[in-house]
Amino acid sequence: ALSKRFNTIAAQLNQQNTNINGNLSSMATQVNNLTATIANYNDQISRVSSLQGSPNDLLDKRNEAVRQLSNLVGVDVVEREGNLDVYLKNGQSLVLGKTTNTLETVNSPTDPTRSNLVLNRGTTKIDITNSVSGGEIGGLITYRNDVLEPALNELGRVALVVADRINSQLAQGIDKNGDFGATLFNDINNA
């Protein structure tokens, strides 16, 4: 019953990790859609401004796209020549005028059960997992790093200590045949 409980808790924590991976992938797609929208509005606004003056409707739509983007990830916005350039809080660009860089999720090189966030700049990909802050994406990564991973690690440590203590206690006892007690829990390295 004890090992089953440890396994149940571990499965629940691992499911949270799986959910975070799925959410990061979905949110990366949403970020990419919004940055493409912002770049498109930058282009339209540049063309309309040179012909007809101030395209207020397009400006409002672009501002709304930036607002939605900022709910997903922390960004800084700089106005340049009528365009809005959008940067992640770590300084990496998402939108420069009419061009965009995209977010992708990839398996972590150190833990294949964990998705990392990379910025695809066309010729290079930069792992930005530990430098993203703000928005829902920043919240998910902070939760995974500061709550979920420590909980999984602590659960593993507690399980090892409990198993070792029980096995040590059993080894001190002698059964009716005069044999020392057998281990109840197997060593994780023997699995």
N, C-alpha and C. Protein backbone atom coordinates (compact mmCIF):
# COMPACT_ATOMS: atom_id res chain seq x y z
N ALA A 1 0.82 -1.19 0.00
CA ALA A 1 0.00 0.00 0.00
C ALA A 1 0.87 1.26 0.00
N LEU A 2 1.98 1.22 0.74
CA LEU A 2 2.84 2.40 0.81
C LEU A 2 3.48 2.69 -0.55
N SER A 3 4.03 1.66 -1.18
CA SER A 3 4.67 1.89 -2.48
C SER A 3 3.63 2.31 -3.52
N LYS A 4 2.41 1.78 -3.41
CA LYS A 4 1.35 2.17 -4.33
C LYS A 4 1.02 3.66 -4.17
N ARG A 5 1.01 4.13 -2.92
CA ARG A 5 0.73 5.54 -2.66
C ARG A 5 1.82 6.44 -3.24
N PHE A 6 3.09 6.03 -3.03
CA PHE A 6 4.19 6.79 -3.63
C PHE A 6 4.06 6.83 -5.15
N ASN A 7 3.72 5.70 -5.75
CA ASN A 7 3.57 5.64 -7.21
C ASN A 7 2.41 6.51 -7.69
N THR A 8 1.31 6.53 -6.92
CA THR A 8 0.16 7.35 -7.29
C THR A 8 0.51 8.83 -7.27
N ILE A 9 1.19 9.25 -6.21
CA ILE A 9 1.59 10.66 -6.11
C ILE A 9 2.56 11.01 -7.24
N ALA A 10 3.52 10.13 -7.51
CA ALA A 10 4.48 10.38 -8.59
C ALA A 10 3.77 10.48 -9.93
N ALA A 11 2.77 9.62 -10.15
CA ALA A 11 2.02 9.65 -11.41
C ALA A 11 1.26 10.97 -11.55
N GLN A 12 0.68 11.45 -10.44
CA GLN A 12 -0.04 12.73 -10.49
C GLN A 12 0.91 13.89 -10.80
N LEU A 13 2.08 13.88 -10.19
CA LEU A 13 3.05 14.94 -10.46
C LEU A 13 3.57 14.85 -11.90
N ASN A 14 3.80 13.64 -12.38
CA ASN A 14 4.25 13.47 -13.77
C ASN A 14 3.18 13.91 -14.75
N GLN A 15 1.90 13.70 -14.41
CA GLN A 15 0.81 14.16 -15.27
C GLN A 15 0.79 15.68 -15.34
N GLN A 16 1.08 16.33 -14.23
CA GLN A 16 1.17 17.79 -14.25
C GLN A 16 2.27 18.24 -15.21
N ASN A 17 3.41 17.54 -15.20
CA ASN A 17 4.50 17.87 -16.11
C ASN A 17 4.06 17.69 -17.56
N THR A 18 3.34 16.61 -17.84
CA THR A 18 2.82 16.37 -19.20
C THR A 18 1.86 17.49 -19.61
N ASN A 19 1.00 17.90 -18.68
CA ASN A 19 0.06 19.00 -18.97
C ASN A 19 0.80 20.30 -19.25
N ILE A 20 1.84 20.57 -18.48
CA ILE A 20 2.64 21.78 -18.70
C ILE A 20 3.27 21.73 -20.09
N ASN A 21 3.82 20.58 -20.48
CA ASN A 21 4.41 20.45 -21.81
C ASN A 21 3.40 20.75 -22.90
N GLY A 22 2.19 20.22 -22.77
CA GLY A 22 1.14 20.47 -23.75
C GLY A 22 0.73 21.93 -23.79
N ASN A 23 0.61 22.53 -22.60
CA ASN A 23 0.24 23.95 -22.54
C ASN A 23 1.32 24.84 -23.14
N LEU A 24 2.59 24.52 -22.88
CA LEU A 24 3.68 25.31 -23.46
C LEU A 24 3.65 25.24 -24.98
N SER A 25 3.40 24.06 -25.52
CA SER A 25 3.33 23.89 -26.98
C SER A 25 2.18 24.70 -27.56
N SER A 26 1.02 24.60 -26.94
CA SER A 26 -0.16 25.34 -27.40
C SER A 26 0.06 26.85 -27.31
N MET A 27 0.64 27.29 -26.21
CA MET A 27 0.87 28.72 -26.03
C MET A 27 1.94 29.25 -26.98
N ALA A 28 2.93 28.42 -27.30
CA ALA A 28 3.95 28.84 -28.29
C ALA A 28 3.28 29.09 -29.63
N THR A 29 2.33 28.22 -30.00
CA THR A 29 1.59 28.42 -31.25
C THR A 29 0.78 29.71 -31.20
N GLN A 30 0.13 29.98 -30.06
CA GLN A 30 -0.63 31.22 -29.91
C GLN A 30 0.28 32.45 -30.03
N VAL A 31 1.46 32.38 -29.41
CA VAL A 31 2.42 33.48 -29.50
C VAL A 31 2.81 33.70 -30.96
N ASN A 32 3.09 32.62 -31.67
CA ASN A 32 3.49 32.73 -33.08
C ASN A 32 2.38 33.35 -33.93
N ASN A 33 1.15 32.96 -33.67
CA ASN A 33 0.02 33.54 -34.41
C ASN A 33 -0.12 35.04 -34.13
N LEU A 34 0.04 35.41 -32.87
CA LEU A 34 -0.08 36.83 -32.51
C LEU A 34 1.08 37.66 -33.06
N THR A 35 2.29 37.12 -33.03
CA THR A 35 3.42 37.89 -33.57
C THR A 35 3.28 38.05 -35.08
N ALA A 36 2.77 37.03 -35.76
CA ALA A 36 2.53 37.15 -37.21
C ALA A 36 1.46 38.21 -37.47
N THR A 37 0.44 38.25 -36.62
CA THR A 37 -0.62 39.26 -36.75
C THR A 37 -0.05 40.66 -36.55
N ILE A 38 0.78 40.83 -35.53
CA ILE A 38 1.38 42.14 -35.26
C ILE A 38 2.26 42.58 -36.43
N ALA A 39 3.07 41.67 -36.96
CA ALA A 39 3.94 42.00 -38.10
C ALA A 39 3.10 42.38 -39.32
N ASN A 40 1.98 41.67 -39.52
CA ASN A 40 1.08 41.98 -40.63
C ASN A 40 0.47 43.37 -40.46
N TYR A 41 0.03 43.69 -39.23
CA TYR A 41 -0.51 45.03 -38.98
C TYR A 41 0.57 46.10 -39.17
N ASN A 42 1.80 45.81 -38.75
CA ASN A 42 2.89 46.76 -38.99
C ASN A 42 3.01 47.08 -40.48
N ASP A 43 2.95 46.04 -41.29
CA ASP A 43 3.06 46.21 -42.75
C ASP A 43 1.88 47.03 -43.29
N GLN A 44 0.66 46.65 -42.89
CA GLN A 44 -0.53 47.37 -43.37
C GLN A 44 -0.52 48.83 -42.92
N ILE A 45 -0.15 49.06 -41.68
CA ILE A 45 -0.13 50.42 -41.15
C ILE A 45 0.90 51.27 -41.90
N SER A 46 2.05 50.69 -42.19
CA SER A 46 3.09 51.43 -42.94
C SER A 46 2.58 51.83 -44.32
N ARG A 47 1.90 50.91 -44.99
CA ARG A 47 1.40 51.20 -46.34
C ARG A 47 0.26 52.22 -46.31
N VAL A 48 -0.68 52.05 -45.38
CA VAL A 48 -1.83 52.96 -45.31
C VAL A 48 -1.39 54.34 -44.84
N SER A 49 -0.48 54.41 -43.88
CA SER A 49 -0.02 55.70 -43.35
C SER A 49 0.61 56.56 -44.43
N SER A 50 1.36 55.94 -45.31
CA SER A 50 2.03 56.71 -46.36
C SER A 50 1.04 57.24 -47.39
N LEU A 51 -0.14 56.61 -47.48
CA LEU A 51 -1.14 57.03 -48.47
C LEU A 51 -2.25 57.90 -47.89
N GLN A 52 -2.78 57.49 -46.72
CA GLN A 52 -4.01 58.11 -46.23
C GLN A 52 -3.90 58.74 -44.85
N GLY A 53 -2.78 58.70 -44.22
CA GLY A 53 -2.69 59.27 -42.88
C GLY A 53 -2.77 58.20 -41.80
N SER A 54 -3.51 58.47 -40.74
CA SER A 54 -3.54 57.61 -39.57
C SER A 54 -4.62 56.53 -39.67
N PRO A 55 -4.22 55.27 -39.74
CA PRO A 55 -5.19 54.16 -39.81
C PRO A 55 -5.58 53.69 -38.41
N ASN A 56 -6.44 54.45 -37.74
CA ASN A 56 -6.77 54.19 -36.34
C ASN A 56 -7.30 52.79 -36.09
N ASP A 57 -8.12 52.26 -36.98
CA ASP A 57 -8.68 50.92 -36.80
C ASP A 57 -7.57 49.87 -36.75
N LEU A 58 -6.60 49.98 -37.65
CA LEU A 58 -5.48 49.04 -37.67
C LEU A 58 -4.60 49.20 -36.42
N LEU A 59 -4.41 50.43 -35.99
CA LEU A 59 -3.62 50.68 -34.78
C LEU A 59 -4.27 50.02 -33.57
N ASP A 60 -5.60 50.14 -33.47
CA ASP A 60 -6.33 49.52 -32.36
C ASP A 60 -6.21 48.00 -32.39
N LYS A 61 -6.33 47.43 -33.58
CA LYS A 61 -6.23 45.97 -33.72
C LYS A 61 -4.83 45.49 -33.35
N ARG A 62 -3.82 46.24 -33.78
CA ARG A 62 -2.44 45.85 -33.46
C ARG A 62 -2.22 45.95 -31.95
N ASN A 63 -2.72 47.01 -31.33
CA ASN A 63 -2.58 47.15 -29.87
C ASN A 63 -3.27 46.01 -29.13
N GLU A 64 -4.41 45.57 -29.64
CA GLU A 64 -5.12 44.45 -29.01
C GLU A 64 -4.30 43.16 -29.15
N ALA A 65 -3.68 42.95 -30.29
CA ALA A 65 -2.83 41.76 -30.47
C ALA A 65 -1.65 41.80 -29.50
N VAL A 66 -1.06 42.97 -29.29
CA VAL A 66 0.04 43.12 -28.34
C VAL A 66 -0.45 42.83 -26.92
N ARG A 67 -1.64 43.31 -26.58
CA ARG A 67 -2.21 43.05 -25.25
C ARG A 67 -2.39 41.56 -25.02
N GLN A 68 -2.96 40.86 -26.03
CA GLN A 68 -3.15 39.42 -25.92
C GLN A 68 -1.81 38.70 -25.78
N LEU A 69 -0.82 39.15 -26.53
CA LEU A 69 0.52 38.55 -26.46
C LEU A 69 1.10 38.73 -25.06
N SER A 70 0.91 39.90 -24.48
CA SER A 70 1.47 40.16 -23.15
C SER A 70 0.81 39.32 -22.07
N ASN A 71 -0.40 38.81 -22.32
CA ASN A 71 -1.02 37.88 -21.39
C ASN A 71 -0.32 36.53 -21.42
N LEU A 72 0.26 36.18 -22.56
CA LEU A 72 0.93 34.89 -22.71
C LEU A 72 2.37 34.92 -22.24
N VAL A 73 3.07 36.02 -22.51
CA VAL A 73 4.49 36.09 -22.17
C VAL A 73 4.87 37.55 -21.93
N GLY A 74 5.80 37.76 -21.01
CA GLY A 74 6.25 39.12 -20.74
C GLY A 74 6.98 39.70 -21.94
N VAL A 75 6.56 40.89 -22.38
CA VAL A 75 7.17 41.53 -23.54
C VAL A 75 7.43 43.00 -23.27
N ASP A 76 8.39 43.53 -24.01
CA ASP A 76 8.63 44.97 -24.08
C ASP A 76 8.33 45.40 -25.50
N VAL A 77 7.71 46.56 -25.65
CA VAL A 77 7.32 47.06 -26.97
C VAL A 77 8.01 48.39 -27.22
N VAL A 78 8.59 48.52 -28.41
CA VAL A 78 9.27 49.75 -28.81
C VAL A 78 8.66 50.21 -30.13
N GLU A 79 8.23 51.48 -30.16
CA GLU A 79 7.71 52.03 -31.42
C GLU A 79 8.88 52.57 -32.23
N ARG A 80 8.93 52.14 -33.49
CA ARG A 80 10.02 52.55 -34.38
C ARG A 80 9.45 52.79 -35.76
N GLU A 81 9.49 54.03 -36.21
CA GLU A 81 9.04 54.40 -37.55
C GLU A 81 7.62 53.90 -37.84
N GLY A 82 6.74 54.03 -36.87
CA GLY A 82 5.35 53.62 -37.05
C GLY A 82 5.10 52.14 -36.79
N ASN A 83 6.17 51.37 -36.66
CA ASN A 83 6.04 49.94 -36.36
C ASN A 83 6.17 49.72 -34.86
N LEU A 84 5.59 48.62 -34.39
CA LEU A 84 5.83 48.19 -33.03
C LEU A 84 6.77 46.99 -33.08
N ASP A 85 7.94 47.14 -32.50
CA ASP A 85 8.87 46.03 -32.34
C ASP A 85 8.60 45.41 -30.98
N VAL A 86 8.52 44.09 -30.94
CA VAL A 86 8.16 43.39 -29.71
C VAL A 86 9.32 42.49 -29.30
N TYR A 87 9.74 42.64 -28.05
CA TYR A 87 10.86 41.88 -27.51
C TYR A 87 10.40 41.11 -26.27
N LEU A 88 10.96 39.92 -26.10
CA LEU A 88 10.78 39.22 -24.83
C LEU A 88 11.50 40.02 -23.76
N LYS A 89 11.16 39.79 -22.50
CA LYS A 89 11.79 40.52 -21.40
C LYS A 89 13.30 40.27 -21.34
N ASN A 90 13.77 39.16 -21.93
CA ASN A 90 15.21 38.88 -21.93
C ASN A 90 15.94 39.59 -23.08
N GLY A 91 15.21 40.38 -23.87
CA GLY A 91 15.82 41.16 -24.94
C GLY A 91 15.77 40.52 -26.31
N GLN A 92 15.34 39.27 -26.41
CA GLN A 92 15.24 38.60 -27.71
C GLN A 92 14.02 39.12 -28.45
N SER A 93 14.18 39.35 -29.75
CA SER A 93 13.08 39.94 -30.53
C SER A 93 12.08 38.88 -30.98
N LEU A 94 10.81 39.24 -30.89
CA LEU A 94 9.73 38.43 -31.46
C LEU A 94 9.25 39.05 -32.77
N VAL A 95 9.13 40.38 -32.79
CA VAL A 95 8.68 41.10 -33.99
C VAL A 95 9.62 42.29 -34.21
N LEU A 96 10.15 42.38 -35.42
CA LEU A 96 10.90 43.56 -35.85
C LEU A 96 10.29 44.01 -37.16
N GLY A 97 9.47 45.05 -37.08
CA GLY A 97 8.79 45.52 -38.29
C GLY A 97 7.86 44.47 -38.84
N LYS A 98 8.21 43.96 -40.03
CA LYS A 98 7.37 42.95 -40.70
C LYS A 98 7.90 41.53 -40.49
N THR A 99 9.01 41.37 -39.79
CA THR A 99 9.60 40.03 -39.62
C THR A 99 9.36 39.52 -38.20
N THR A 100 9.28 38.21 -38.09
CA THR A 100 9.04 37.59 -36.78
C THR A 100 10.03 36.46 -36.53
N ASN A 101 10.26 36.19 -35.28
CA ASN A 101 10.93 34.98 -34.83
C ASN A 101 9.87 34.15 -34.13
N THR A 102 10.01 32.84 -34.18
CA THR A 102 8.96 31.97 -33.65
C THR A 102 9.43 31.21 -32.41
N LEU A 103 8.46 30.84 -31.59
CA LEU A 103 8.72 29.99 -30.43
C LEU A 103 8.40 28.55 -30.78
N GLU A 104 9.19 27.63 -30.24
CA GLU A 104 8.95 26.20 -30.42
C GLU A 104 9.21 25.50 -29.10
N THR A 105 8.61 24.34 -28.94
CA THR A 105 8.95 23.50 -27.80
C THR A 105 9.76 22.32 -28.31
N VAL A 106 10.79 21.97 -27.55
CA VAL A 106 11.65 20.83 -27.87
C VAL A 106 11.89 20.06 -26.58
N ASN A 107 12.25 18.79 -26.72
CA ASN A 107 12.59 18.01 -25.54
C ASN A 107 13.87 18.54 -24.92
N SER A 108 13.87 18.62 -23.61
CA SER A 108 15.06 19.06 -22.89
C SER A 108 16.19 18.06 -23.12
N PRO A 109 17.41 18.53 -23.35
CA PRO A 109 18.52 17.59 -23.54
C PRO A 109 18.86 16.82 -22.26
N THR A 110 18.48 17.35 -21.10
CA THR A 110 18.80 16.68 -19.84
C THR A 110 17.64 15.86 -19.29
N ASP A 111 16.43 16.10 -19.78
CA ASP A 111 15.24 15.38 -19.30
C ASP A 111 14.22 15.31 -20.42
N PRO A 112 14.16 14.18 -21.13
CA PRO A 112 13.25 14.08 -22.28
C PRO A 112 11.77 14.16 -21.94
N THR A 113 11.42 14.09 -20.64
CA THR A 113 10.01 14.23 -20.26
C THR A 113 9.61 15.69 -20.09
N ARG A 114 10.56 16.58 -20.27
CA ARG A 114 10.34 18.01 -20.05
C ARG A 114 10.53 18.78 -21.35
N SER A 115 9.59 19.66 -21.66
CA SER A 115 9.70 20.50 -22.86
C SER A 115 10.42 21.79 -22.52
N ASN A 116 11.35 22.16 -23.38
CA ASN A 116 12.01 23.46 -23.27
C ASN A 116 11.45 24.37 -24.34
N LEU A 117 11.57 25.65 -24.13
CA LEU A 117 11.09 26.66 -25.07
C LEU A 117 12.30 27.24 -25.80
N VAL A 118 12.24 27.22 -27.14
CA VAL A 118 13.33 27.79 -27.94
C VAL A 118 12.79 28.87 -28.85
N LEU A 119 13.63 29.86 -29.12
CA LEU A 119 13.32 30.92 -30.05
C LEU A 119 14.01 30.58 -31.36
N ASN A 120 13.21 30.39 -32.41
CA ASN A 120 13.74 30.06 -33.73
C ASN A 120 13.95 31.37 -34.48
N ARG A 121 15.22 31.68 -34.74
CA ARG A 121 15.57 32.91 -35.44
C ARG A 121 15.95 32.63 -36.89
N GLY A 122 15.41 31.57 -37.44
CA GLY A 122 15.69 31.21 -38.83
C GLY A 122 16.91 30.33 -38.95
N THR A 123 18.09 30.89 -38.73
CA THR A 123 19.32 30.10 -38.85
C THR A 123 19.79 29.56 -37.51
N THR A 124 19.29 30.11 -36.42
CA THR A 124 19.69 29.65 -35.09
C THR A 124 18.47 29.47 -34.20
N LYS A 125 18.63 28.56 -33.25
CA LYS A 125 17.61 28.34 -32.23
C LYS A 125 18.26 28.56 -30.87
N ILE A 126 17.60 29.36 -30.05
CA ILE A 126 18.13 29.72 -28.74
C ILE A 126 17.18 29.20 -27.67
N ASP A 127 17.73 28.41 -26.72
CA ASP A 127 16.92 27.93 -25.61
C ASP A 127 16.67 29.10 -24.66
N ILE A 128 15.41 29.47 -24.52
CA ILE A 128 15.05 30.61 -23.68
C ILE A 128 14.22 30.19 -22.46
N THR A 129 14.17 28.89 -22.20
CA THR A 129 13.32 28.37 -21.12
C THR A 129 13.56 29.09 -19.80
N ASN A 130 14.81 29.23 -19.42
CA ASN A 130 15.11 29.79 -18.10
C ASN A 130 15.17 31.31 -18.08
N SER A 131 14.96 31.94 -19.24
CA SER A 131 15.01 33.41 -19.25
C SER A 131 13.65 34.04 -19.58
N VAL A 132 12.63 33.21 -19.83
CA VAL A 132 11.30 33.73 -20.10
C VAL A 132 10.64 34.11 -18.78
N SER A 133 10.01 35.28 -18.78
CA SER A 133 9.30 35.70 -17.57
C SER A 133 8.00 36.37 -17.96
N GLY A 134 7.08 36.38 -17.03
CA GLY A 134 5.82 37.06 -17.24
C GLY A 134 4.83 36.25 -18.05
N GLY A 135 3.59 36.62 -17.93
CA GLY A 135 2.52 35.97 -18.67
C GLY A 135 2.29 34.54 -18.22
N GLU A 136 1.38 33.88 -18.93
CA GLU A 136 1.05 32.50 -18.60
C GLU A 136 2.23 31.57 -18.80
N ILE A 137 3.02 31.80 -19.84
CA ILE A 137 4.18 30.94 -20.11
C ILE A 137 5.19 31.07 -18.97
N GLY A 138 5.49 32.29 -18.57
CA GLY A 138 6.42 32.49 -17.45
C GLY A 138 5.91 31.84 -16.18
N GLY A 139 4.60 31.92 -15.95
CA GLY A 139 4.00 31.30 -14.78
C GLY A 139 4.13 29.79 -14.79
N LEU A 140 3.90 29.18 -15.95
CA LEU A 140 4.04 27.72 -16.06
C LEU A 140 5.47 27.28 -15.80
N ILE A 141 6.42 27.99 -16.39
CA ILE A 141 7.82 27.61 -16.23
C ILE A 141 8.26 27.81 -14.78
N THR A 142 7.83 28.90 -14.16
CA THR A 142 8.16 29.15 -12.76
C THR A 142 7.56 28.06 -11.87
N TYR A 143 6.31 27.70 -12.11
CA TYR A 143 5.67 26.63 -11.32
C TYR A 143 6.44 25.32 -11.48
N ARG A 144 6.79 24.98 -12.73
CA ARG A 144 7.50 23.72 -12.96
C ARG A 144 8.85 23.73 -12.25
N ASN A 145 9.59 24.83 -12.35
CA ASN A 145 10.93 24.90 -11.77
C ASN A 145 10.92 25.02 -10.25
N ASP A 146 9.99 25.80 -9.71
CA ASP A 146 10.02 26.13 -8.28
C ASP A 146 9.12 25.27 -7.41
N VAL A 147 8.13 24.59 -8.01
CA VAL A 147 7.19 23.80 -7.23
C VAL A 147 7.20 22.33 -7.65
N LEU A 148 6.95 22.08 -8.93
CA LEU A 148 6.77 20.70 -9.39
C LEU A 148 8.05 19.88 -9.30
N GLU A 149 9.16 20.38 -9.85
CA GLU A 149 10.41 19.61 -9.81
C GLU A 149 10.90 19.36 -8.38
N PRO A 150 10.89 20.38 -7.50
CA PRO A 150 11.27 20.09 -6.12
C PRO A 150 10.35 19.06 -5.45
N ALA A 151 9.06 19.10 -5.75
CA ALA A 151 8.13 18.13 -5.17
C ALA A 151 8.46 16.72 -5.64
N LEU A 152 8.73 16.56 -6.94
CA LEU A 152 9.11 15.24 -7.47
C LEU A 152 10.41 14.75 -6.83
N ASN A 153 11.39 15.64 -6.72
CA ASN A 153 12.67 15.26 -6.12
C ASN A 153 12.51 14.87 -4.66
N GLU A 154 11.73 15.64 -3.92
CA GLU A 154 11.52 15.35 -2.50
C GLU A 154 10.75 14.05 -2.31
N LEU A 155 9.77 13.81 -3.16
CA LEU A 155 9.02 12.55 -3.09
C LEU A 155 9.97 11.37 -3.29
N GLY A 156 10.86 11.48 -4.26
CA GLY A 156 11.84 10.41 -4.50
C GLY A 156 12.75 10.19 -3.31
N ARG A 157 13.22 11.29 -2.71
CA ARG A 157 14.09 11.17 -1.54
C ARG A 157 13.36 10.52 -0.36
N VAL A 158 12.13 10.94 -0.13
CA VAL A 158 11.35 10.36 0.98
C VAL A 158 11.14 8.87 0.74
N ALA A 159 10.79 8.50 -0.48
CA ALA A 159 10.56 7.08 -0.80
C ALA A 159 11.83 6.27 -0.56
N LEU A 160 12.98 6.80 -0.97
CA LEU A 160 14.25 6.07 -0.77
C LEU A 160 14.57 5.92 0.71
N VAL A 161 14.38 6.98 1.48
CA VAL A 161 14.69 6.92 2.91
C VAL A 161 13.76 5.95 3.62
N VAL A 162 12.47 6.02 3.34
CA VAL A 162 11.50 5.12 3.97
C VAL A 162 11.83 3.67 3.62
N ALA A 163 12.08 3.40 2.35
CA ALA A 163 12.41 2.03 1.92
C ALA A 163 13.67 1.54 2.60
N ASP A 164 14.69 2.39 2.68
CA ASP A 164 15.95 2.00 3.32
C ASP A 164 15.76 1.71 4.80
N ARG A 165 15.01 2.56 5.48
CA ARG A 165 14.79 2.37 6.92
C ARG A 165 13.99 1.09 7.20
N ILE A 166 12.97 0.84 6.39
CA ILE A 166 12.17 -0.37 6.59
C ILE A 166 13.02 -1.60 6.31
N ASN A 167 13.78 -1.57 5.21
CA ASN A 167 14.65 -2.71 4.89
C ASN A 167 15.70 -2.93 5.97
N SER A 168 16.27 -1.85 6.51
CA SER A 168 17.27 -1.98 7.59
C SER A 168 16.65 -2.61 8.83
N GLN A 169 15.44 -2.18 9.17
CA GLN A 169 14.77 -2.74 10.34
C GLN A 169 14.45 -4.22 10.13
N LEU A 170 13.98 -4.56 8.94
CA LEU A 170 13.67 -5.96 8.65
C LEU A 170 14.93 -6.83 8.69
N ALA A 171 16.06 -6.28 8.25
CA ALA A 171 17.31 -7.05 8.22
C ALA A 171 17.81 -7.36 9.63
N GLN A 172 17.37 -6.61 10.63
CA GLN A 172 17.81 -6.85 12.01
C GLN A 172 17.02 -7.97 12.68
N GLY A 173 15.88 -8.29 12.10
CA GLY A 173 15.05 -9.33 12.71
C GLY A 173 15.44 -10.72 12.24
N ILE A 174 15.00 -11.72 12.99
CA ILE A 174 15.26 -13.12 12.65
C ILE A 174 13.92 -13.83 12.60
N ASP A 175 13.72 -14.65 11.54
CA ASP A 175 12.45 -15.36 11.42
C ASP A 175 12.49 -16.66 12.23
N LYS A 176 11.42 -17.46 12.17
CA LYS A 176 11.31 -18.67 12.98
C LYS A 176 12.35 -19.72 12.61
N ASN A 177 12.95 -19.60 11.42
CA ASN A 177 13.99 -20.55 10.99
C ASN A 177 15.39 -20.06 11.34
N GLY A 178 15.49 -18.90 11.98
CA GLY A 178 16.80 -18.36 12.35
C GLY A 178 17.45 -17.55 11.24
N ASP A 179 16.72 -17.26 10.16
CA ASP A 179 17.26 -16.47 9.06
C ASP A 179 16.97 -14.99 9.31
N PHE A 180 17.93 -14.14 8.85
CA PHE A 180 17.70 -12.70 8.95
C PHE A 180 16.58 -12.30 7.99
N GLY A 181 15.89 -11.24 8.35
CA GLY A 181 14.76 -10.77 7.55
C GLY A 181 15.18 -10.36 6.14
N ALA A 182 14.29 -10.58 5.20
CA ALA A 182 14.54 -10.21 3.79
C ALA A 182 14.08 -8.77 3.56
N THR A 183 14.64 -8.16 2.52
CA THR A 183 14.23 -6.79 2.19
C THR A 183 12.81 -6.79 1.63
N LEU A 184 12.09 -5.76 1.97
CA LEU A 184 10.72 -5.60 1.47
C LEU A 184 10.72 -4.79 0.19
N PHE A 185 11.59 -3.77 0.14
CA PHE A 185 11.66 -2.89 -1.03
C PHE A 185 12.96 -3.16 -1.78
N ASN A 186 12.85 -3.26 -3.10
CA ASN A 186 14.04 -3.48 -3.93
C ASN A 186 14.75 -2.16 -4.18
N ASP A 187 16.07 -2.25 -4.35
CA ASP A 187 16.88 -1.08 -4.68
C ASP A 187 16.50 -0.60 -6.07
N ILE A 188 16.34 0.71 -6.22
CA ILE A 188 15.95 1.28 -7.51
C ILE A 188 16.98 0.95 -8.60
N ASN A 189 18.23 0.77 -8.22
CA ASN A 189 19.28 0.46 -9.19
C ASN A 189 19.21 -0.98 -9.68
N ASN A 190 18.45 -1.84 -9.00
CA ASN A 190 18.29 -3.23 -9.42
C ASN A 190 17.12 -3.42 -10.36
N ALA A 191 16.36 -2.37 -10.60
CA ALA A 191 15.15 -2.48 -11.43
C ALA A 191 15.51 -2.67 -12.88
